[in-house]
Amino acid sequence: MSRRRRHVIDLDEMTAAEIEEILELTESMKEVLAREIKQVPTLRGRTVVNMFFEDSTRTRISFELAAKALSANVVSFSARGSSVEKGESLIDTVRTLQALGAEMVVIRHSQAGAPYLVAQHFAGAVINAGDGRHAHPTQALLDLFTIRERLDRIRGLKVVIVGDILHSRVARSDLWGLTRLGAHVTLCAPPTLLGPAHFWTATWPQISISHRLDEALEGADVVMVLRLQKERMQAGLLPSLREYSRAYALTPERLERLGAETLIMHPGPMNEGVEIWPEAATAPNSVIEAQVTNGVAVRMALLYWLAG
């Protein structure tokens, strides 16, 4: 095994070998979760604190299940009802948790960069569970694992990411992971939900940009649909939901034109009938539920990996 990192803030700082190592560990964790007793003593005596300053269902619960499956002591922190409401700073909160014995912190925050700040003031390990528009590395890892599990490889695959890319932390982390492991990525979105193309191509020169979904889908091995955040409508970035759906939704008609083996993915939560139709979300080649299931195993692997 490679020398462990202390924190996981995003995949931009991780090598392909490190990502592969976590994916291999995830295989082992899936075996644990398939047992009758889904628990091992690996992190017995360790304390993991989940700090969720943003609402979450999948990520929060999967981190709790992952830590408990490794026999860690799990503490769920909520800003609501805590000293944060009395004006306590994030740094002071983290120092308090450290003084109380926390050894690993999982943080989800609406402000980009919050996990970096926590990592500077915490002696243990920090995992980013999503920060602003910046990053969501554990979602990217479970996406990578799901693709490899179903298609046996990532290198050489054509992956289309469609939707509100400009505001998506998932898209950014997926781009780092997919390109680092050799996938060919096409970003597809209306110009208002993509921003300047040169930003993306300067950071990831190997990717392609498209504004036409039907063209982008040709030859796709994986289609990752991103949630349309409806507040973009209020910001005037789209003419109407109907217009967006007509041009960029994964509809039954587009589903029929995809290959039978083309994976359909969505990080959730979904707006069915907006960016994805129910027929596509529940199609035989949809792996959306598998993504949720694999989230527990991936987060188990990451907690184990950081704990050494």
C-alpha atoms as a PDB file:
ATOM      1  CA  MET A   1       0.000   0.000   0.000  1.00  0.00           C
ATOM      2  CA  SER A   2       1.133   3.547  -0.702  1.00  0.00           C
ATOM      3  CA  ARG A   3       1.978   6.096   1.966  1.00  0.00           C
ATOM      4  CA  ARG A   4      -1.297   7.477   3.268  1.00  0.00           C
ATOM      5  CA  ARG A   5      -2.469  11.033   2.799  1.00  0.00           C
ATOM      6  CA  ARG A   6      -3.727  12.800   5.873  1.00  0.00           C
ATOM      7  CA  HIS A   7      -6.748  14.414   4.215  1.00  0.00           C
ATOM      8  CA  VAL A   8      -8.925  13.979   1.135  1.00  0.00           C
ATOM      9  CA  ILE A   9     -10.172  17.376  -0.011  1.00  0.00           C
ATOM     10  CA  ASP A  10     -10.445  16.644  -3.747  1.00  0.00           C
ATOM     11  CA  LEU A  11      -9.096  14.261  -6.376  1.00  0.00           C
ATOM     12  CA  ASP A  12      -6.896  16.910  -8.020  1.00  0.00           C
ATOM     13  CA  GLU A  13      -4.171  16.172  -5.467  1.00  0.00           C
ATOM     14  CA  MET A  14      -4.404  12.375  -5.814  1.00  0.00           C
ATOM     15  CA  THR A  15      -2.409  10.231  -8.221  1.00  0.00           C
ATOM     16  CA  ALA A  16      -3.968   7.615 -10.477  1.00  0.00           C
ATOM     17  CA  ALA A  17      -2.278   4.938  -8.340  1.00  0.00           C
ATOM     18  CA  GLU A  18      -3.891   6.290  -5.165  1.00  0.00           C
ATOM     19  CA  ILE A  19      -7.325   6.384  -6.774  1.00  0.00           C
ATOM     20  CA  GLU A  20      -6.855   2.823  -8.026  1.00  0.00           C
ATOM     21  CA  GLU A  21      -5.813   1.730  -4.536  1.00  0.00           C
ATOM     22  CA  ILE A  22      -9.016   3.148  -3.029  1.00  0.00           C
ATOM     23  CA  LEU A  23     -11.094   1.435  -5.727  1.00  0.00           C
ATOM     24  CA  GLU A  24      -9.374  -1.867  -4.930  1.00  0.00           C
ATOM     25  CA  LEU A  25     -10.091  -1.385  -1.227  1.00  0.00           C
ATOM     26  CA  THR A  26     -13.724  -0.721  -2.105  1.00  0.00           C
ATOM     27  CA  GLU A  27     -13.944  -4.232  -3.577  1.00  0.00           C
ATOM     28  CA  SER A  28     -12.933  -5.611  -0.185  1.00  0.00           C
ATOM     29  CA  MET A  29     -15.440  -3.413   1.613  1.00  0.00           C
ATOM     30  CA  LYS A  30     -18.244  -4.627  -0.662  1.00  0.00           C
ATOM     31  CA  GLU A  31     -17.366  -8.156   0.424  1.00  0.00           C
ATOM     32  CA  VAL A  32     -17.780  -7.068   4.056  1.00  0.00           C
ATOM     33  CA  LEU A  33     -21.174  -5.533   3.289  1.00  0.00           C
ATOM     34  CA  ALA A  34     -22.277  -8.767   1.612  1.00  0.00           C
ATOM     35  CA  ARG A  35     -21.749 -10.775   4.816  1.00  0.00           C
ATOM     36  CA  GLU A  36     -24.506 -11.666   7.233  1.00  0.00           C
ATOM     37  CA  ILE A  37     -22.816  -9.497   9.885  1.00  0.00           C
ATOM     38  CA  LYS A  38     -21.811  -6.348   8.036  1.00  0.00           C
ATOM     39  CA  GLN A  39     -19.174  -5.129  10.451  1.00  0.00           C
ATOM     40  CA  VAL A  40     -15.430  -5.459  11.029  1.00  0.00           C
ATOM     41  CA  PRO A  41     -13.372  -4.138  13.965  1.00  0.00           C
ATOM     42  CA  THR A  42     -10.941  -2.136  11.822  1.00  0.00           C
ATOM     43  CA  LEU A  43     -11.611   1.296  13.367  1.00  0.00           C
ATOM     44  CA  ARG A  44     -12.706   0.154  16.814  1.00  0.00           C
ATOM     45  CA  GLY A  45     -11.916   2.892  19.329  1.00  0.00           C
ATOM     46  CA  ARG A  46     -11.567   5.599  16.667  1.00  0.00           C
ATOM     47  CA  THR A  47     -13.966   8.564  16.708  1.00  0.00           C
ATOM     48  CA  VAL A  48     -15.399   9.935  13.460  1.00  0.00           C
ATOM     49  CA  VAL A  49     -17.374  13.196  13.524  1.00  0.00           C
ATOM     50  CA  ASN A  50     -19.755  14.001  10.673  1.00  0.00           C
ATOM     51  CA  MET A  51     -20.066  17.786  10.396  1.00  0.00           C
ATOM     52  CA  PHE A  52     -22.901  18.577   8.000  1.00  0.00           C
ATOM     53  CA  PHE A  53     -23.577  22.284   7.612  1.00  0.00           C
ATOM     54  CA  GLU A  54     -25.687  21.511   4.521  1.00  0.00           C
ATOM     55  CA  ASP A  55     -28.718  19.252   4.270  1.00  0.00           C
ATOM     56  CA  SER A  56     -27.901  15.796   2.967  1.00  0.00           C
ATOM     57  CA  THR A  57     -29.432  12.341   2.858  1.00  0.00           C
ATOM     58  CA  ARG A  58     -27.259   9.993   0.777  1.00  0.00           C
ATOM     59  CA  THR A  59     -23.850  11.343   1.753  1.00  0.00           C
ATOM     60  CA  ARG A  60     -24.565  11.776   5.460  1.00  0.00           C
ATOM     61  CA  ILE A  61     -26.207   8.395   5.966  1.00  0.00           C
ATOM     62  CA  SER A  62     -23.642   6.526   3.878  1.00  0.00           C
ATOM     63  CA  PHE A  63     -20.772   8.037   5.901  1.00  0.00           C
ATOM     64  CA  GLU A  64     -22.536   7.033   9.134  1.00  0.00           C
ATOM     65  CA  LEU A  65     -23.111   3.496   7.879  1.00  0.00           C
ATOM     66  CA  ALA A  66     -19.528   3.278   6.610  1.00  0.00           C
ATOM     67  CA  ALA A  67     -17.985   4.353   9.911  1.00  0.00           C
ATOM     68  CA  LYS A  68     -20.254   2.038  11.915  1.00  0.00           C
ATOM     69  CA  ALA A  69     -19.447  -0.894   9.614  1.00  0.00           C
ATOM     70  CA  LEU A  70     -15.796  -0.317  10.537  1.00  0.00           C
ATOM     71  CA  SER A  71     -16.772  -0.229  14.256  1.00  0.00           C
ATOM     72  CA  ALA A  72     -15.820   3.432  14.723  1.00  0.00           C
ATOM     73  CA  ASN A  73     -17.500   5.677  17.274  1.00  0.00           C
ATOM     74  CA  VAL A  74     -19.689   7.985  15.185  1.00  0.00           C
ATOM     75  CA  VAL A  75     -20.811  11.447  16.235  1.00  0.00           C
ATOM     76  CA  SER A  76     -23.184  13.454  14.051  1.00  0.00           C
ATOM     77  CA  PHE A  77     -22.718  17.199  14.389  1.00  0.00           C
ATOM     78  CA  SER A  78     -25.374  19.643  13.254  1.00  0.00           C
ATOM     79  CA  ALA A  79     -24.898  23.404  13.165  1.00  0.00           C
ATOM     80  CA  ARG A  80     -28.524  23.745  14.203  1.00  0.00           C
ATOM     81  CA  GLY A  81     -28.712  23.775  17.987  1.00  0.00           C
ATOM     82  CA  SER A  82     -24.922  23.996  18.404  1.00  0.00           C
ATOM     83  CA  SER A  83     -22.673  26.847  19.497  1.00  0.00           C
ATOM     84  CA  VAL A  84     -22.385  27.844  15.839  1.00  0.00           C
ATOM     85  CA  GLU A  85     -25.769  29.509  16.257  1.00  0.00           C
ATOM     86  CA  LYS A  86     -24.228  31.523  19.109  1.00  0.00           C
ATOM     87  CA  GLY A  87     -21.477  32.796  16.841  1.00  0.00           C
ATOM     88  CA  GLU A  88     -18.770  30.180  17.346  1.00  0.00           C
ATOM     89  CA  SER A  89     -16.394  30.050  14.371  1.00  0.00           C
ATOM     90  CA  LEU A  90     -15.680  26.955  12.311  1.00  0.00           C
ATOM     91  CA  ILE A  91     -12.104  26.893  13.620  1.00  0.00           C
ATOM     92  CA  ASP A  92     -13.224  27.055  17.251  1.00  0.00           C
ATOM     93  CA  THR A  93     -15.785  24.308  16.614  1.00  0.00           C
ATOM     94  CA  VAL A  94     -13.123  22.017  15.137  1.00  0.00           C
ATOM     95  CA  ARG A  95     -10.744  22.709  18.006  1.00  0.00           C
ATOM     96  CA  THR A  96     -13.514  21.826  20.453  1.00  0.00           C
ATOM     97  CA  LEU A  97     -14.199  18.542  18.660  1.00  0.00           C
ATOM     98  CA  GLN A  98     -10.487  17.724  18.677  1.00  0.00           C
ATOM     99  CA  ALA A  99     -10.298  18.411  22.411  1.00  0.00           C
ATOM    100  CA  LEU A 100     -13.222  16.017  22.881  1.00  0.00           C
ATOM    101  CA  GLY A 101     -11.317  13.225  21.118  1.00  0.00           C
ATOM    102  CA  ALA A 102     -12.323  13.416  17.462  1.00  0.00           C
ATOM    103  CA  GLU A 103      -9.760  11.728  15.205  1.00  0.00           C
ATOM    104  CA  MET A 104     -11.484  12.003  11.818  1.00  0.00           C
ATOM    105  CA  VAL A 105     -13.799  14.734  10.566  1.00  0.00           C
ATOM    106  CA  VAL A 106     -16.163  14.462   7.594  1.00  0.00           C
ATOM    107  CA  ILE A 107     -17.358  17.930   6.612  1.00  0.00           C
ATOM    108  CA  ARG A 108     -20.017  19.174   4.204  1.00  0.00           C
ATOM    109  CA  HIS A 109     -20.259  22.953   3.895  1.00  0.00           C
ATOM    110  CA  SER A 110     -21.876  25.500   1.596  1.00  0.00           C
ATOM    111  CA  GLN A 111     -18.669  27.551   1.417  1.00  0.00           C
ATOM    112  CA  ALA A 112     -15.952  26.388  -0.967  1.00  0.00           C
ATOM    113  CA  GLY A 113     -12.688  25.917   0.873  1.00  0.00           C
ATOM    114  CA  ALA A 114     -14.181  25.124   4.280  1.00  0.00           C
ATOM    115  CA  PRO A 115     -12.526  21.644   4.410  1.00  0.00           C
ATOM    116  CA  TYR A 116      -9.124  23.228   3.671  1.00  0.00           C
ATOM    117  CA  LEU A 117      -9.611  25.570   6.617  1.00  0.00           C
ATOM    118  CA  VAL A 118     -10.581  22.684   8.900  1.00  0.00           C
ATOM    119  CA  ALA A 119      -7.549  20.661   7.773  1.00  0.00           C
ATOM    120  CA  GLN A 120      -5.237  23.502   8.800  1.00  0.00           C
ATOM    121  CA  HIS A 121      -6.527  23.449  12.373  1.00  0.00           C
ATOM    122  CA  PHE A 122      -7.224  19.755  12.973  1.00  0.00           C
ATOM    123  CA  ALA A 123      -4.595  17.196  13.909  1.00  0.00           C
ATOM    124  CA  GLY A 124      -6.526  14.225  12.539  1.00  0.00           C
ATOM    125  CA  ALA A 125      -7.898  13.329   9.098  1.00  0.00           C
ATOM    126  CA  VAL A 126     -10.377  15.481   7.162  1.00  0.00           C
ATOM    127  CA  ILE A 127     -12.668  14.237   4.395  1.00  0.00           C
ATOM    128  CA  ASN A 128     -14.527  16.662   2.167  1.00  0.00           C
ATOM    129  CA  ALA A 129     -18.169  15.575   1.810  1.00  0.00           C
ATOM    130  CA  GLY A 130     -18.935  18.499  -0.503  1.00  0.00           C
ATOM    131  CA  ASP A 131     -17.985  22.180  -0.300  1.00  0.00           C
ATOM    132  CA  GLY A 132     -19.808  24.872  -2.248  1.00  0.00           C
ATOM    133  CA  ARG A 133     -19.230  24.543  -5.976  1.00  0.00           C
ATOM    134  CA  HIS A 134     -15.706  23.301  -5.400  1.00  0.00           C
ATOM    135  CA  ALA A 135     -15.531  19.541  -4.906  1.00  0.00           C
ATOM    136  CA  HIS A 136     -17.238  16.304  -3.904  1.00  0.00           C
ATOM    137  CA  PRO A 137     -14.443  13.703  -4.006  1.00  0.00           C
ATOM    138  CA  THR A 138     -16.311  10.778  -2.443  1.00  0.00           C
ATOM    139  CA  GLN A 139     -19.104  11.101  -5.011  1.00  0.00           C
ATOM    140  CA  ALA A 140     -16.478  11.003  -7.747  1.00  0.00           C
ATOM    141  CA  LEU A 141     -14.861   7.912  -6.233  1.00  0.00           C
ATOM    142  CA  LEU A 142     -18.165   6.041  -6.064  1.00  0.00           C
ATOM    143  CA  ASP A 143     -18.879   7.075  -9.670  1.00  0.00           C
ATOM    144  CA  LEU A 144     -15.494   5.739 -10.760  1.00  0.00           C
ATOM    145  CA  PHE A 145     -16.029   2.509  -8.850  1.00  0.00           C
ATOM    146  CA  THR A 146     -19.508   1.989 -10.326  1.00  0.00           C
ATOM    147  CA  ILE A 147     -18.229   2.509 -13.873  1.00  0.00           C
ATOM    148  CA  ARG A 148     -15.316   0.124 -13.382  1.00  0.00           C
ATOM    149  CA  GLU A 149     -17.523  -2.442 -11.666  1.00  0.00           C
ATOM    150  CA  ARG A 150     -19.950  -2.519 -14.599  1.00  0.00           C
ATOM    151  CA  LEU A 151     -17.625  -1.972 -17.590  1.00  0.00           C
ATOM    152  CA  ASP A 152     -14.388  -3.469 -16.159  1.00  0.00           C
ATOM    153  CA  ARG A 153     -12.367  -0.397 -17.098  1.00  0.00           C
ATOM    154  CA  ILE A 154     -12.303   3.378 -17.231  1.00  0.00           C
ATOM    155  CA  ARG A 155      -9.433   4.059 -19.620  1.00  0.00           C
ATOM    156  CA  GLY A 156     -10.646   4.752 -23.144  1.00  0.00           C
ATOM    157  CA  LEU A 157     -14.343   5.086 -22.251  1.00  0.00           C
ATOM    158  CA  LYS A 158     -16.381   8.016 -23.550  1.00  0.00           C
ATOM    159  CA  VAL A 159     -18.170   9.699 -20.648  1.00  0.00           C
ATOM    160  CA  VAL A 160     -20.726  12.442 -21.292  1.00  0.00           C
ATOM    161  CA  ILE A 161     -21.552  14.779 -18.396  1.00  0.00           C
ATOM    162  CA  VAL A 162     -24.698  16.796 -19.110  1.00  0.00           C
ATOM    163  CA  GLY A 163     -26.525  19.451 -17.135  1.00  0.00           C
ATOM    164  CA  ASP A 164     -25.692  22.297 -14.780  1.00  0.00           C
ATOM    165  CA  ILE A 165     -21.931  21.862 -15.015  1.00  0.00           C
ATOM    166  CA  LEU A 166     -21.000  25.417 -14.039  1.00  0.00           C
ATOM    167  CA  HIS A 167     -22.413  25.068 -10.524  1.00  0.00           C
ATOM    168  CA  SER A 168     -21.625  21.372  -9.994  1.00  0.00           C
ATOM    169  CA  ARG A 169     -18.989  20.257  -7.496  1.00  0.00           C
ATOM    170  CA  VAL A 170     -19.654  16.687  -8.621  1.00  0.00           C
ATOM    171  CA  ALA A 171     -18.672  17.532 -12.203  1.00  0.00           C
ATOM    172  CA  ARG A 172     -15.357  19.029 -11.112  1.00  0.00           C
ATOM    173  CA  SER A 173     -14.344  16.067  -8.957  1.00  0.00           C
ATOM    174  CA  ASP A 174     -15.502  13.596 -11.608  1.00  0.00           C
ATOM    175  CA  LEU A 175     -13.387  15.410 -14.181  1.00  0.00           C
ATOM    176  CA  TRP A 176     -10.260  14.997 -12.075  1.00  0.00           C
ATOM    177  CA  GLY A 177     -10.910  11.300 -11.474  1.00  0.00           C
ATOM    178  CA  LEU A 178     -12.077  10.351 -14.969  1.00  0.00           C
ATOM    179  CA  THR A 179      -9.288  12.139 -16.821  1.00  0.00           C
ATOM    180  CA  ARG A 180      -6.636  10.877 -14.407  1.00  0.00           C
ATOM    181  CA  LEU A 181      -7.742   7.294 -15.116  1.00  0.00           C
ATOM    182  CA  GLY A 182      -7.803   7.802 -18.880  1.00  0.00           C
ATOM    183  CA  ALA A 183     -11.471   8.371 -19.814  1.00  0.00           C
ATOM    184  CA  HIS A 184     -12.511  10.667 -22.661  1.00  0.00           C
ATOM    185  CA  VAL A 185     -14.934  13.220 -21.199  1.00  0.00           C
ATOM    186  CA  THR A 186     -17.433  15.416 -23.044  1.00  0.00           C
ATOM    187  CA  LEU A 187     -19.170  18.236 -21.188  1.00  0.00           C
ATOM    188  CA  CYS A 188     -22.597  19.160 -22.555  1.00  0.00           C
ATOM    189  CA  ALA A 189     -24.662  22.106 -21.340  1.00  0.00           C
ATOM    190  CA  PRO A 190     -26.217  25.353 -22.508  1.00  0.00           C
ATOM    191  CA  PRO A 191     -23.608  28.167 -22.501  1.00  0.00           C
ATOM    192  CA  THR A 192     -25.207  29.778 -19.431  1.00  0.00           C
ATOM    193  CA  LEU A 193     -24.731  26.560 -17.420  1.00  0.00           C
ATOM    194  CA  LEU A 194     -21.198  25.934 -18.668  1.00  0.00           C
ATOM    195  CA  GLY A 195     -19.470  29.288 -18.555  1.00  0.00           C
ATOM    196  CA  PRO A 196     -16.341  30.073 -20.596  1.00  0.00           C
ATOM    197  CA  ALA A 197     -15.199  26.932 -22.396  1.00  0.00           C
ATOM    198  CA  HIS A 198     -11.559  27.943 -22.031  1.00  0.00           C
ATOM    199  CA  PHE A 199     -11.814  27.534 -18.247  1.00  0.00           C
ATOM    200  CA  TRP A 200     -12.578  23.837 -18.648  1.00  0.00           C
ATOM    201  CA  THR A 201     -10.171  23.138 -21.487  1.00  0.00           C
ATOM    202  CA  ALA A 202      -7.335  25.033 -19.792  1.00  0.00           C
ATOM    203  CA  THR A 203      -7.706  22.899 -16.662  1.00  0.00           C
ATOM    204  CA  TRP A 204      -8.526  19.638 -18.464  1.00  0.00           C
ATOM    205  CA  PRO A 205      -7.105  20.021 -22.014  1.00  0.00           C
ATOM    206  CA  GLN A 206      -8.098  16.488 -23.013  1.00  0.00           C
ATOM    207  CA  ILE A 207     -11.869  17.034 -22.664  1.00  0.00           C
ATOM    208  CA  SER A 208     -14.446  18.017 -25.295  1.00  0.00           C
ATOM    209  CA  ILE A 209     -17.174  20.658 -25.075  1.00  0.00           C
ATOM    210  CA  SER A 210     -20.606  20.411 -26.707  1.00  0.00           C
ATOM    211  CA  HIS A 211     -23.843  22.374 -26.609  1.00  0.00           C
ATOM    212  CA  ARG A 212     -25.834  19.732 -28.524  1.00  0.00           C
ATOM    213  CA  LEU A 213     -26.789  16.690 -26.489  1.00  0.00           C
ATOM    214  CA  ASP A 214     -27.817  14.486 -29.410  1.00  0.00           C
ATOM    215  CA  GLU A 215     -24.362  14.902 -30.964  1.00  0.00           C
ATOM    216  CA  ALA A 216     -22.568  14.432 -27.641  1.00  0.00           C
ATOM    217  CA  LEU A 217     -24.366  11.133 -26.948  1.00  0.00           C
ATOM    218  CA  GLU A 218     -23.032   9.458 -30.100  1.00  0.00           C
ATOM    219  CA  GLY A 219     -20.758   6.586 -29.070  1.00  0.00           C
ATOM    220  CA  ALA A 220     -21.128   7.297 -25.345  1.00  0.00           C
ATOM    221  CA  ASP A 221     -20.233   4.522 -22.892  1.00  0.00           C
ATOM    222  CA  VAL A 222     -21.475   6.468 -19.869  1.00  0.00           C
ATOM    223  CA  VAL A 223     -23.999   9.305 -19.575  1.00  0.00           C
ATOM    224  CA  MET A 224     -23.894  11.210 -16.304  1.00  0.00           C
ATOM    225  CA  VAL A 225     -26.900  13.503 -15.853  1.00  0.00           C
ATOM    226  CA  LEU A 226     -26.561  16.351 -13.356  1.00  0.00           C
ATOM    227  CA  ARG A 227     -29.421  17.814 -11.364  1.00  0.00           C
ATOM    228  CA  LEU A 228     -30.814  21.069 -12.692  1.00  0.00           C
ATOM    229  CA  GLN A 229     -30.856  23.398  -9.725  1.00  0.00           C
ATOM    230  CA  LYS A 230     -34.100  25.284 -10.157  1.00  0.00           C
ATOM    231  CA  GLU A 231     -32.703  28.454  -8.638  1.00  0.00           C
ATOM    232  CA  ARG A 232     -30.903  28.866 -11.997  1.00  0.00           C
ATOM    233  CA  MET A 233     -34.302  29.671 -13.465  1.00  0.00           C
ATOM    234  CA  GLN A 234     -34.753  32.509 -10.989  1.00  0.00           C
ATOM    235  CA  ALA A 235     -31.291  33.805 -11.909  1.00  0.00           C
ATOM    236  CA  GLY A 236     -32.362  34.096 -15.537  1.00  0.00           C
ATOM    237  CA  LEU A 237     -29.870  31.508 -16.814  1.00  0.00           C
ATOM    238  CA  LEU A 238     -32.556  29.523 -18.664  1.00  0.00           C
ATOM    239  CA  PRO A 239     -35.554  30.579 -20.745  1.00  0.00           C
ATOM    240  CA  SER A 240     -37.824  27.862 -19.303  1.00  0.00           C
ATOM    241  CA  LEU A 241     -37.756  24.350 -17.858  1.00  0.00           C
ATOM    242  CA  ARG A 242     -39.582  23.072 -20.922  1.00  0.00           C
ATOM    243  CA  GLU A 243     -36.926  24.514 -23.231  1.00  0.00           C
ATOM    244  CA  TYR A 244     -34.134  23.055 -21.125  1.00  0.00           C
ATOM    245  CA  SER A 245     -35.768  19.619 -21.018  1.00  0.00           C
ATOM    246  CA  ARG A 246     -36.336  19.611 -24.765  1.00  0.00           C
ATOM    247  CA  ALA A 247     -32.664  20.275 -25.475  1.00  0.00           C
ATOM    248  CA  TYR A 248     -30.804  18.585 -22.608  1.00  0.00           C
ATOM    249  CA  ALA A 249     -32.970  16.034 -20.777  1.00  0.00           C
ATOM    250  CA  LEU A 250     -32.383  12.290 -21.067  1.00  0.00           C
ATOM    251  CA  THR A 251     -35.775  11.457 -22.557  1.00  0.00           C
ATOM    252  CA  PRO A 252     -37.210   8.086 -23.688  1.00  0.00           C
ATOM    253  CA  GLU A 253     -36.381   9.054 -27.289  1.00  0.00           C
ATOM    254  CA  ARG A 254     -32.734   9.697 -26.454  1.00  0.00           C
ATOM    255  CA  LEU A 255     -32.661   6.561 -24.323  1.00  0.00           C
ATOM    256  CA  GLU A 256     -33.615   4.466 -27.366  1.00  0.00           C
ATOM    257  CA  ARG A 257     -30.687   5.874 -29.318  1.00  0.00           C
ATOM    258  CA  LEU A 258     -28.156   4.884 -26.658  1.00  0.00           C
ATOM    259  CA  GLY A 259     -26.404   1.534 -26.754  1.00  0.00           C
ATOM    260  CA  ALA A 260     -27.869  -1.183 -24.552  1.00  0.00           C
ATOM    261  CA  GLU A 261     -24.629  -1.217 -22.525  1.00  0.00           C
ATOM    262  CA  THR A 262     -24.395   2.561 -22.092  1.00  0.00           C
ATOM    263  CA  LEU A 263     -24.482   3.327 -18.375  1.00  0.00           C
ATOM    264  CA  ILE A 264     -26.924   5.957 -17.119  1.00  0.00           C
ATOM    265  CA  MET A 265     -25.805   7.754 -13.967  1.00  0.00           C
ATOM    266  CA  HIS A 266     -27.077  10.561 -11.741  1.00  0.00           C
ATOM    267  CA  PRO A 267     -25.557  11.756  -8.438  1.00  0.00           C
ATOM    268  CA  GLY A 268     -29.008  12.581  -7.018  1.00  0.00           C
ATOM    269  CA  PRO A 269     -31.344  13.933  -5.990  1.00  0.00           C
ATOM    270  CA  MET A 270     -33.150  13.687  -9.329  1.00  0.00           C
ATOM    271  CA  ASN A 271     -35.737  15.996 -10.845  1.00  0.00           C
ATOM    272  CA  GLU A 272     -37.626  13.399 -12.861  1.00  0.00           C
ATOM    273  CA  GLY A 273     -39.253  14.943 -15.885  1.00  0.00           C
ATOM    274  CA  VAL A 274     -36.756  17.823 -15.915  1.00  0.00           C
ATOM    275  CA  GLU A 275     -33.206  16.554 -16.559  1.00  0.00           C
ATOM    276  CA  ILE A 276     -34.077  12.844 -16.700  1.00  0.00           C
ATOM    277  CA  TRP A 277     -37.253  10.940 -17.490  1.00  0.00           C
ATOM    278  CA  PRO A 278     -38.444   8.055 -15.249  1.00  0.00           C
ATOM    279  CA  GLU A 279     -37.966   5.623 -18.154  1.00  0.00           C
ATOM    280  CA  ALA A 280     -34.259   6.510 -18.276  1.00  0.00           C
ATOM    281  CA  ALA A 281     -33.785   6.542 -14.499  1.00  0.00           C
ATOM    282  CA  THR A 282     -35.171   2.998 -14.185  1.00  0.00           C
ATOM    283  CA  ALA A 283     -33.858   1.532 -17.453  1.00  0.00           C
ATOM    284  CA  PRO A 284     -31.960  -1.788 -17.309  1.00  0.00           C
ATOM    285  CA  ASN A 285     -28.694   0.055 -18.017  1.00  0.00           C
ATOM    286  CA  SER A 286     -29.305   2.627 -15.260  1.00  0.00           C
ATOM    287  CA  VAL A 287     -26.852   2.305 -12.355  1.00  0.00           C
ATOM    288  CA  ILE A 288     -28.288   5.128 -10.253  1.00  0.00           C
ATOM    289  CA  GLU A 289     -29.283   2.809  -7.387  1.00  0.00           C
ATOM    290  CA  ALA A 290     -25.916   1.059  -7.612  1.00  0.00           C
ATOM    291  CA  GLN A 291     -24.223   4.431  -7.142  1.00  0.00           C
ATOM    292  CA  VAL A 292     -26.058   4.900  -3.850  1.00  0.00           C
ATOM    293  CA  THR A 293     -25.227   1.361  -2.695  1.00  0.00           C
ATOM    294  CA  ASN A 294     -21.570   1.695  -3.658  1.00  0.00           C
ATOM    295  CA  GLY A 295     -21.340   4.946  -1.704  1.00  0.00           C
ATOM    296  CA  VAL A 296     -21.133   3.063   1.589  1.00  0.00           C
ATOM    297  CA  ALA A 297     -18.329   0.760   0.431  1.00  0.00           C
ATOM    298  CA  VAL A 298     -16.329   3.625  -1.095  1.00  0.00           C
ATOM    299  CA  ARG A 299     -16.569   5.671   2.094  1.00  0.00           C
ATOM    300  CA  MET A 300     -15.572   2.638   4.162  1.00  0.00           C
ATOM    301  CA  ALA A 301     -12.519   2.245   1.925  1.00  0.00           C
ATOM    302  CA  LEU A 302     -11.609   5.907   2.281  1.00  0.00           C
ATOM    303  CA  LEU A 303     -11.940   5.922   6.075  1.00  0.00           C
ATOM    304  CA  TYR A 304      -9.770   2.794   6.275  1.00  0.00           C
ATOM    305  CA  TRP A 305      -7.265   4.241   3.791  1.00  0.00           C
ATOM    306  CA  LEU A 306      -6.826   7.447   5.774  1.00  0.00           C
ATOM    307  CA  ALA A 307      -6.672   5.641   9.116  1.00  0.00           C
ATOM    308  CA  GLY A 308      -3.831   3.489   7.874  1.00  0.00           C
END
